[in-house]
Amino acid sequence: VTSSSTTVGGVCTGLGIPPTKIDK
């Protein structure tokens, strides 16, 4: 595998966007 979170959870941790702001 790679060494980072490549899931939708990685969007939250990698940009500081909360799940409630993910529209699609």
mmCIF file of all heavy atoms, coordinates in Angstrom:
data_MODEL
# 
_entry.id   MODEL 
# 
loop_
_atom_site.group_PDB 
_atom_site.id 
_atom_site.type_symbol 
_atom_site.label_atom_id 
_atom_site.label_alt_id 
_atom_site.label_comp_id 
_atom_site.label_asym_id 
_atom_site.label_entity_id 
_atom_site.label_seq_id 
_atom_site.pdbx_PDB_ins_code 
_atom_site.Cartn_x 
_atom_site.Cartn_y 
_atom_site.Cartn_z 
_atom_site.occupancy 
_atom_site.B_iso_or_equiv 
_atom_site.pdbx_formal_charge 
_atom_site.auth_seq_id 
_atom_site.auth_comp_id 
_atom_site.auth_asym_id 
_atom_site.auth_atom_id 
_atom_site.pdbx_PDB_model_num 
ATOM 1   N N   . VAL A 1 1  ? 0.855   -1.188 0.000  1.00 0.00 ? 1  VAL A N   1 
ATOM 2   C CA  . VAL A 1 1  ? 0.000   0.000  0.000  1.00 0.00 ? 1  VAL A CA  1 
ATOM 3   C C   . VAL A 1 1  ? 0.891   1.238  0.000  1.00 0.00 ? 1  VAL A C   1 
ATOM 4   O O   . VAL A 1 1  ? 2.106   1.155  0.097  1.00 0.00 ? 1  VAL A O   1 
ATOM 5   C CB  . VAL A 1 1  ? -0.931  0.019  1.234  1.00 0.00 ? 1  VAL A CB  1 
ATOM 6   C CG1 . VAL A 1 1  ? -1.947  -1.118 1.170  1.00 0.00 ? 1  VAL A CG1 1 
ATOM 7   C CG2 . VAL A 1 1  ? -0.118  -0.070 2.543  1.00 0.00 ? 1  VAL A CG2 1 
ATOM 8   N N   . THR A 1 2  ? 0.253   2.393  -0.083 1.00 0.00 ? 2  THR A N   1 
ATOM 9   C CA  . THR A 1 2  ? 0.981   3.644  0.088  1.00 0.00 ? 2  THR A CA  1 
ATOM 10  C C   . THR A 1 2  ? 1.011   3.984  1.577  1.00 0.00 ? 2  THR A C   1 
ATOM 11  O O   . THR A 1 2  ? 0.586   3.183  2.418  1.00 0.00 ? 2  THR A O   1 
ATOM 12  C CB  . THR A 1 2  ? 0.361   4.759  -0.770 1.00 0.00 ? 2  THR A CB  1 
ATOM 13  O OG1 . THR A 1 2  ? 1.235   5.888  -0.798 1.00 0.00 ? 2  THR A OG1 1 
ATOM 14  C CG2 . THR A 1 2  ? -1.014  5.182  -0.266 1.00 0.00 ? 2  THR A CG2 1 
ATOM 15  N N   . SER A 1 3  ? 1.496   5.160  1.923  1.00 0.00 ? 3  SER A N   1 
ATOM 16  C CA  . SER A 1 3  ? 1.705   5.486  3.343  1.00 0.00 ? 3  SER A CA  1 
ATOM 17  C C   . SER A 1 3  ? 0.735   6.532  3.873  1.00 0.00 ? 3  SER A C   1 
ATOM 18  O O   . SER A 1 3  ? 0.937   7.071  4.953  1.00 0.00 ? 3  SER A O   1 
ATOM 19  C CB  . SER A 1 3  ? 3.150   5.984  3.533  1.00 0.00 ? 3  SER A CB  1 
ATOM 20  O OG  . SER A 1 3  ? 4.063   5.003  3.124  1.00 0.00 ? 3  SER A OG  1 
ATOM 21  N N   . SER A 1 4  ? -0.316  6.812  3.127  1.00 0.00 ? 4  SER A N   1 
ATOM 22  C CA  . SER A 1 4  ? -1.265  7.848  3.544  1.00 0.00 ? 4  SER A CA  1 
ATOM 23  C C   . SER A 1 4  ? -2.686  7.303  3.479  1.00 0.00 ? 4  SER A C   1 
ATOM 24  O O   . SER A 1 4  ? -2.923  6.182  3.026  1.00 0.00 ? 4  SER A O   1 
ATOM 25  C CB  . SER A 1 4  ? -1.134  9.076  2.635  1.00 0.00 ? 4  SER A CB  1 
ATOM 26  O OG  . SER A 1 4  ? -1.363  8.716  1.286  1.00 0.00 ? 4  SER A OG  1 
ATOM 27  N N   . SER A 1 5  ? -3.613  8.117  3.928  1.00 0.00 ? 5  SER A N   1 
ATOM 28  C CA  . SER A 1 5  ? -5.035  7.753  3.882  1.00 0.00 ? 5  SER A CA  1 
ATOM 29  C C   . SER A 1 5  ? -5.605  8.161  2.537  1.00 0.00 ? 5  SER A C   1 
ATOM 30  O O   . SER A 1 5  ? -5.743  9.350  2.248  1.00 0.00 ? 5  SER A O   1 
ATOM 31  C CB  . SER A 1 5  ? -5.798  8.439  5.012  1.00 0.00 ? 5  SER A CB  1 
ATOM 32  O OG  . SER A 1 5  ? -7.175  8.146  4.910  1.00 0.00 ? 5  SER A OG  1 
ATOM 33  N N   . THR A 1 6  ? -5.924  7.173  1.719  1.00 0.00 ? 6  THR A N   1 
ATOM 34  C CA  . THR A 1 6  ? -6.439  7.449  0.367  1.00 0.00 ? 6  THR A CA  1 
ATOM 35  C C   . THR A 1 6  ? -7.953  7.340  0.296  1.00 0.00 ? 6  THR A C   1 
ATOM 36  O O   . THR A 1 6  ? -8.535  7.352  -0.784 1.00 0.00 ? 6  THR A O   1 
ATOM 37  C CB  . THR A 1 6  ? -5.813  6.470  -0.641 1.00 0.00 ? 6  THR A CB  1 
ATOM 38  O OG1 . THR A 1 6  ? -6.202  5.129  -0.288 1.00 0.00 ? 6  THR A OG1 1 
ATOM 39  C CG2 . THR A 1 6  ? -4.301  6.567  -0.631 1.00 0.00 ? 6  THR A CG2 1 
ATOM 40  N N   . THR A 1 7  ? -8.600  7.239  1.452  1.00 0.00 ? 7  THR A N   1 
ATOM 41  C CA  . THR A 1 7  ? -10.058 7.147  1.512  1.00 0.00 ? 7  THR A CA  1 
ATOM 42  C C   . THR A 1 7  ? -10.675 8.534  1.649  1.00 0.00 ? 7  THR A C   1 
ATOM 43  O O   . THR A 1 7  ? -9.982  9.544  1.768  1.00 0.00 ? 7  THR A O   1 
ATOM 44  C CB  . THR A 1 7  ? -10.503 6.305  2.716  1.00 0.00 ? 7  THR A CB  1 
ATOM 45  O OG1 . THR A 1 7  ? -10.135 7.011  3.916  1.00 0.00 ? 7  THR A OG1 1 
ATOM 46  C CG2 . THR A 1 7  ? -9.838  4.943  2.717  1.00 0.00 ? 7  THR A CG2 1 
ATOM 47  N N   . VAL A 1 8  ? -12.004 8.565  1.718  1.00 0.00 ? 8  VAL A N   1 
ATOM 48  C CA  . VAL A 1 8  ? -12.695 9.835  1.922  1.00 0.00 ? 8  VAL A CA  1 
ATOM 49  C C   . VAL A 1 8  ? -12.309 10.432 3.281  1.00 0.00 ? 8  VAL A C   1 
ATOM 50  O O   . VAL A 1 8  ? -12.342 11.656 3.460  1.00 0.00 ? 8  VAL A O   1 
ATOM 51  C CB  . VAL A 1 8  ? -14.223 9.649  1.782  1.00 0.00 ? 8  VAL A CB  1 
ATOM 52  C CG1 . VAL A 1 8  ? -14.809 8.836  2.938  1.00 0.00 ? 8  VAL A CG1 1 
ATOM 53  C CG2 . VAL A 1 8  ? -14.940 10.975 1.630  1.00 0.00 ? 8  VAL A CG2 1 
ATOM 54  N N   . GLY A 1 9  ? -11.907 9.574  4.228  1.00 0.00 ? 9  GLY A N   1 
ATOM 55  C CA  . GLY A 1 9  ? -11.433 10.079 5.516  1.00 0.00 ? 9  GLY A CA  1 
ATOM 56  C C   . GLY A 1 9  ? -10.182 10.920 5.367  1.00 0.00 ? 9  GLY A C   1 
ATOM 57  O O   . GLY A 1 9  ? -9.948  11.858 6.135  1.00 0.00 ? 9  GLY A O   1 
ATOM 58  N N   . GLY A 1 10 ? -9.354  10.600 4.356  1.00 0.00 ? 10 GLY A N   1 
ATOM 59  C CA  . GLY A 1 10 ? -8.146  11.369 4.099  1.00 0.00 ? 10 GLY A CA  1 
ATOM 60  C C   . GLY A 1 10 ? -8.426  12.775 3.616  1.00 0.00 ? 10 GLY A C   1 
ATOM 61  O O   . GLY A 1 10 ? -7.573  13.664 3.728  1.00 0.00 ? 10 GLY A O   1 
ATOM 62  N N   . VAL A 1 11 ? -9.617  12.999 3.096  1.00 0.00 ? 11 VAL A N   1 
ATOM 63  C CA  . VAL A 1 11 ? -10.022 14.351 2.690  1.00 0.00 ? 11 VAL A CA  1 
ATOM 64  C C   . VAL A 1 11 ? -10.182 15.224 3.934  1.00 0.00 ? 11 VAL A C   1 
ATOM 65  O O   . VAL A 1 11 ? -9.755  16.377 3.966  1.00 0.00 ? 11 VAL A O   1 
ATOM 66  C CB  . VAL A 1 11 ? -11.339 14.311 1.890  1.00 0.00 ? 11 VAL A CB  1 
ATOM 67  C CG1 . VAL A 1 11 ? -11.819 15.720 1.548  1.00 0.00 ? 11 VAL A CG1 1 
ATOM 68  C CG2 . VAL A 1 11 ? -11.163 13.488 0.622  1.00 0.00 ? 11 VAL A CG2 1 
ATOM 69  N N   . CYS A 1 12 ? -10.769 14.635 4.974  1.00 0.00 ? 12 CYS A N   1 
ATOM 70  C CA  . CYS A 1 12 ? -10.982 15.379 6.215  1.00 0.00 ? 12 CYS A CA  1 
ATOM 71  C C   . CYS A 1 12 ? -9.650  15.688 6.903  1.00 0.00 ? 12 CYS A C   1 
ATOM 72  O O   . CYS A 1 12 ? -9.412  16.821 7.320  1.00 0.00 ? 12 CYS A O   1 
ATOM 73  C CB  . CYS A 1 12 ? -11.884 14.583 7.153  1.00 0.00 ? 12 CYS A CB  1 
ATOM 74  S SG  . CYS A 1 12 ? -13.517 14.199 6.463  1.00 0.00 ? 12 CYS A SG  1 
ATOM 75  N N   . THR A 1 13 ? -8.778  14.677 7.003  1.00 0.00 ? 13 THR A N   1 
ATOM 76  C CA  . THR A 1 13 ? -7.515  14.880 7.709  1.00 0.00 ? 13 THR A CA  1 
ATOM 77  C C   . THR A 1 13 ? -6.484  15.625 6.864  1.00 0.00 ? 13 THR A C   1 
ATOM 78  O O   . THR A 1 13 ? -5.604  16.287 7.400  1.00 0.00 ? 13 THR A O   1 
ATOM 79  C CB  . THR A 1 13 ? -6.922  13.532 8.160  1.00 0.00 ? 13 THR A CB  1 
ATOM 80  O OG1 . THR A 1 13 ? -6.726  12.693 7.015  1.00 0.00 ? 13 THR A OG1 1 
ATOM 81  C CG2 . THR A 1 13 ? -7.834  12.836 9.141  1.00 0.00 ? 13 THR A CG2 1 
ATOM 82  N N   . GLY A 1 14 ? -6.599  15.504 5.549  1.00 0.00 ? 14 GLY A N   1 
ATOM 83  C CA  . GLY A 1 14 ? -5.595  16.096 4.672  1.00 0.00 ? 14 GLY A CA  1 
ATOM 84  C C   . GLY A 1 14 ? -5.887  17.509 4.226  1.00 0.00 ? 14 GLY A C   1 
ATOM 85  O O   . GLY A 1 14 ? -5.018  18.174 3.645  1.00 0.00 ? 14 GLY A O   1 
ATOM 86  N N   . LEU A 1 15 ? -7.103  17.995 4.507  1.00 0.00 ? 15 LEU A N   1 
ATOM 87  C CA  . LEU A 1 15 ? -7.460  19.371 4.139  1.00 0.00 ? 15 LEU A CA  1 
ATOM 88  C C   . LEU A 1 15 ? -8.152  20.121 5.267  1.00 0.00 ? 15 LEU A C   1 
ATOM 89  O O   . LEU A 1 15 ? -8.350  21.329 5.167  1.00 0.00 ? 15 LEU A O   1 
ATOM 90  C CB  . LEU A 1 15 ? -8.374  19.376 2.903  1.00 0.00 ? 15 LEU A CB  1 
ATOM 91  C CG  . LEU A 1 15 ? -7.707  19.111 1.558  1.00 0.00 ? 15 LEU A CG  1 
ATOM 92  C CD1 . LEU A 1 15 ? -8.747  18.832 0.489  1.00 0.00 ? 15 LEU A CD1 1 
ATOM 93  C CD2 . LEU A 1 15 ? -6.828  20.291 1.138  1.00 0.00 ? 15 LEU A CD2 1 
ATOM 94  N N   . GLY A 1 16 ? -8.546  19.394 6.311  1.00 0.00 ? 16 GLY A N   1 
ATOM 95  C CA  . GLY A 1 16 ? -9.275  20.049 7.398  1.00 0.00 ? 16 GLY A CA  1 
ATOM 96  C C   . GLY A 1 16 ? -10.714 20.340 7.036  1.00 0.00 ? 16 GLY A C   1 
ATOM 97  O O   . GLY A 1 16 ? -11.332 21.245 7.610  1.00 0.00 ? 16 GLY A O   1 
ATOM 98  N N   . ILE A 1 17 ? -11.278 19.568 6.097  1.00 0.00 ? 17 ILE A N   1 
ATOM 99  C CA  . ILE A 1 17 ? -12.690 19.715 5.726  1.00 0.00 ? 17 ILE A CA  1 
ATOM 100 C C   . ILE A 1 17 ? -13.511 18.739 6.557  1.00 0.00 ? 17 ILE A C   1 
ATOM 101 O O   . ILE A 1 17 ? -13.236 17.534 6.541  1.00 0.00 ? 17 ILE A O   1 
ATOM 102 C CB  . ILE A 1 17 ? -12.902 19.427 4.224  1.00 0.00 ? 17 ILE A CB  1 
ATOM 103 C CG1 . ILE A 1 17 ? -12.168 20.453 3.364  1.00 0.00 ? 17 ILE A CG1 1 
ATOM 104 C CG2 . ILE A 1 17 ? -14.388 19.409 3.877  1.00 0.00 ? 17 ILE A CG2 1 
ATOM 105 C CD1 . ILE A 1 17 ? -12.271 20.179 1.862  1.00 0.00 ? 17 ILE A CD1 1 
ATOM 106 N N   . PRO A 1 18 ? -14.521 19.192 7.291  1.00 0.00 ? 18 PRO A N   1 
ATOM 107 C CA  . PRO A 1 18 ? -15.344 18.256 8.066  1.00 0.00 ? 18 PRO A CA  1 
ATOM 108 C C   . PRO A 1 18 ? -16.256 17.435 7.149  1.00 0.00 ? 18 PRO A C   1 
ATOM 109 O O   . PRO A 1 18 ? -16.582 17.868 6.040  1.00 0.00 ? 18 PRO A O   1 
ATOM 110 C CB  . PRO A 1 18 ? -16.160 19.176 8.977  1.00 0.00 ? 18 PRO A CB  1 
ATOM 111 C CG  . PRO A 1 18 ? -16.209 20.486 8.262  1.00 0.00 ? 18 PRO A CG  1 
ATOM 112 C CD  . PRO A 1 18 ? -14.936 20.594 7.487  1.00 0.00 ? 18 PRO A CD  1 
ATOM 113 N N   . PRO A 1 19 ? -16.667 16.231 7.600  1.00 0.00 ? 19 PRO A N   1 
ATOM 114 C CA  . PRO A 1 19 ? -17.537 15.387 6.769  1.00 0.00 ? 19 PRO A CA  1 
ATOM 115 C C   . PRO A 1 19 ? -18.816 16.082 6.322  1.00 0.00 ? 19 PRO A C   1 
ATOM 116 O O   . PRO A 1 19 ? -19.318 15.822 5.230  1.00 0.00 ? 19 PRO A O   1 
ATOM 117 C CB  . PRO A 1 19 ? -17.846 14.197 7.684  1.00 0.00 ? 19 PRO A CB  1 
ATOM 118 C CG  . PRO A 1 19 ? -16.757 14.173 8.687  1.00 0.00 ? 19 PRO A CG  1 
ATOM 119 C CD  . PRO A 1 19 ? -16.331 15.597 8.878  1.00 0.00 ? 19 PRO A CD  1 
ATOM 120 N N   . THR A 1 20 ? -19.330 16.979 7.162  1.00 0.00 ? 20 THR A N   1 
ATOM 121 C CA  . THR A 1 20 ? -20.587 17.658 6.840  1.00 0.00 ? 20 THR A CA  1 
ATOM 122 C C   . THR A 1 20 ? -20.458 18.603 5.646  1.00 0.00 ? 20 THR A C   1 
ATOM 123 O O   . THR A 1 20 ? -21.461 19.043 5.090  1.00 0.00 ? 20 THR A O   1 
ATOM 124 C CB  . THR A 1 20 ? -21.080 18.454 8.056  1.00 0.00 ? 20 THR A CB  1 
ATOM 125 O OG1 . THR A 1 20 ? -20.007 19.282 8.549  1.00 0.00 ? 20 THR A OG1 1 
ATOM 126 C CG2 . THR A 1 20 ? -21.531 17.521 9.168  1.00 0.00 ? 20 THR A CG2 1 
ATOM 127 N N   . LYS A 1 21 ? -19.222 18.925 5.259  1.00 0.00 ? 21 LYS A N   1 
ATOM 128 C CA  . LYS A 1 21 ? -19.003 19.825 4.126  1.00 0.00 ? 21 LYS A CA  1 
ATOM 129 C C   . LYS A 1 21 ? -18.715 19.064 2.827  1.00 0.00 ? 21 LYS A C   1 
ATOM 130 O O   . LYS A 1 21 ? -18.491 19.676 1.781  1.00 0.00 ? 21 LYS A O   1 
ATOM 131 C CB  . LYS A 1 21 ? -17.840 20.782 4.415  1.00 0.00 ? 21 LYS A CB  1 
ATOM 132 C CG  . LYS A 1 21 ? -18.137 21.799 5.518  1.00 0.00 ? 21 LYS A CG  1 
ATOM 133 C CD  . LYS A 1 21 ? -19.225 22.767 5.095  1.00 0.00 ? 21 LYS A CD  1 
ATOM 134 C CE  . LYS A 1 21 ? -19.455 23.836 6.156  1.00 0.00 ? 21 LYS A CE  1 
ATOM 135 N NZ  . LYS A 1 21 ? -20.555 24.774 5.766  1.00 0.00 ? 21 LYS A NZ  1 
ATOM 136 N N   . ILE A 1 22 ? -18.708 17.721 2.902  1.00 0.00 ? 22 ILE A N   1 
ATOM 137 C CA  . ILE A 1 22 ? -18.502 16.921 1.691  1.00 0.00 ? 22 ILE A CA  1 
ATOM 138 C C   . ILE A 1 22 ? -19.856 16.642 1.067  1.00 0.00 ? 22 ILE A C   1 
ATOM 139 O O   . ILE A 1 22 ? -20.712 15.967 1.650  1.00 0.00 ? 22 ILE A O   1 
ATOM 140 C CB  . ILE A 1 22 ? -17.750 15.616 2.001  1.00 0.00 ? 22 ILE A CB  1 
ATOM 141 C CG1 . ILE A 1 22 ? -16.346 15.943 2.516  1.00 0.00 ? 22 ILE A CG1 1 
ATOM 142 C CG2 . ILE A 1 22 ? -17.663 14.733 0.755  1.00 0.00 ? 22 ILE A CG2 1 
ATOM 143 C CD1 . ILE A 1 22 ? -15.548 14.745 2.980  1.00 0.00 ? 22 ILE A CD1 1 
ATOM 144 N N   . ASP A 1 23 ? -20.048 17.182 -0.108 1.00 0.00 ? 23 ASP A N   1 
ATOM 145 C CA  . ASP A 1 23 ? -21.343 17.152 -0.767 1.00 0.00 ? 23 ASP A CA  1 
ATOM 146 C C   . ASP A 1 23 ? -21.528 15.916 -1.639 1.00 0.00 ? 23 ASP A C   1 
ATOM 147 O O   . ASP A 1 23 ? -22.618 15.365 -1.738 1.00 0.00 ? 23 ASP A O   1 
ATOM 148 C CB  . ASP A 1 23 ? -21.486 18.421 -1.625 1.00 0.00 ? 23 ASP A CB  1 
ATOM 149 C CG  . ASP A 1 23 ? -22.845 18.554 -2.259 1.00 0.00 ? 23 ASP A CG  1 
ATOM 150 O OD1 . ASP A 1 23 ? -23.827 18.628 -1.507 1.00 0.00 ? 23 ASP A OD1 1 
ATOM 151 O OD2 . ASP A 1 23 ? -22.935 18.574 -3.499 1.00 0.00 ? 23 ASP A OD2 1 
ATOM 152 N N   . LYS A 1 24 ? -20.437 15.470 -2.268 1.00 0.00 ? 24 LYS A N   1 
ATOM 153 C CA  . LYS A 1 24 ? -20.540 14.380 -3.237 1.00 0.00 ? 24 LYS A CA  1 
ATOM 154 C C   . LYS A 1 24 ? -19.200 13.662 -3.320 1.00 0.00 ? 24 LYS A C   1 
ATOM 155 O O   . LYS A 1 24 ? -18.144 14.293 -3.287 1.00 0.00 ? 24 LYS A O   1 
ATOM 156 C CB  . LYS A 1 24 ? -20.928 14.950 -4.611 1.00 0.00 ? 24 LYS A CB  1 
ATOM 157 C CG  . LYS A 1 24 ? -21.193 13.922 -5.696 1.00 0.00 ? 24 LYS A CG  1 
ATOM 158 C CD  . LYS A 1 24 ? -21.702 14.621 -6.963 1.00 0.00 ? 24 LYS A CD  1 
ATOM 159 C CE  . LYS A 1 24 ? -22.067 13.615 -8.037 1.00 0.00 ? 24 LYS A CE  1 
ATOM 160 N NZ  . LYS A 1 24 ? -22.604 14.275 -9.256 1.00 0.00 ? 24 LYS A NZ  1 
# 
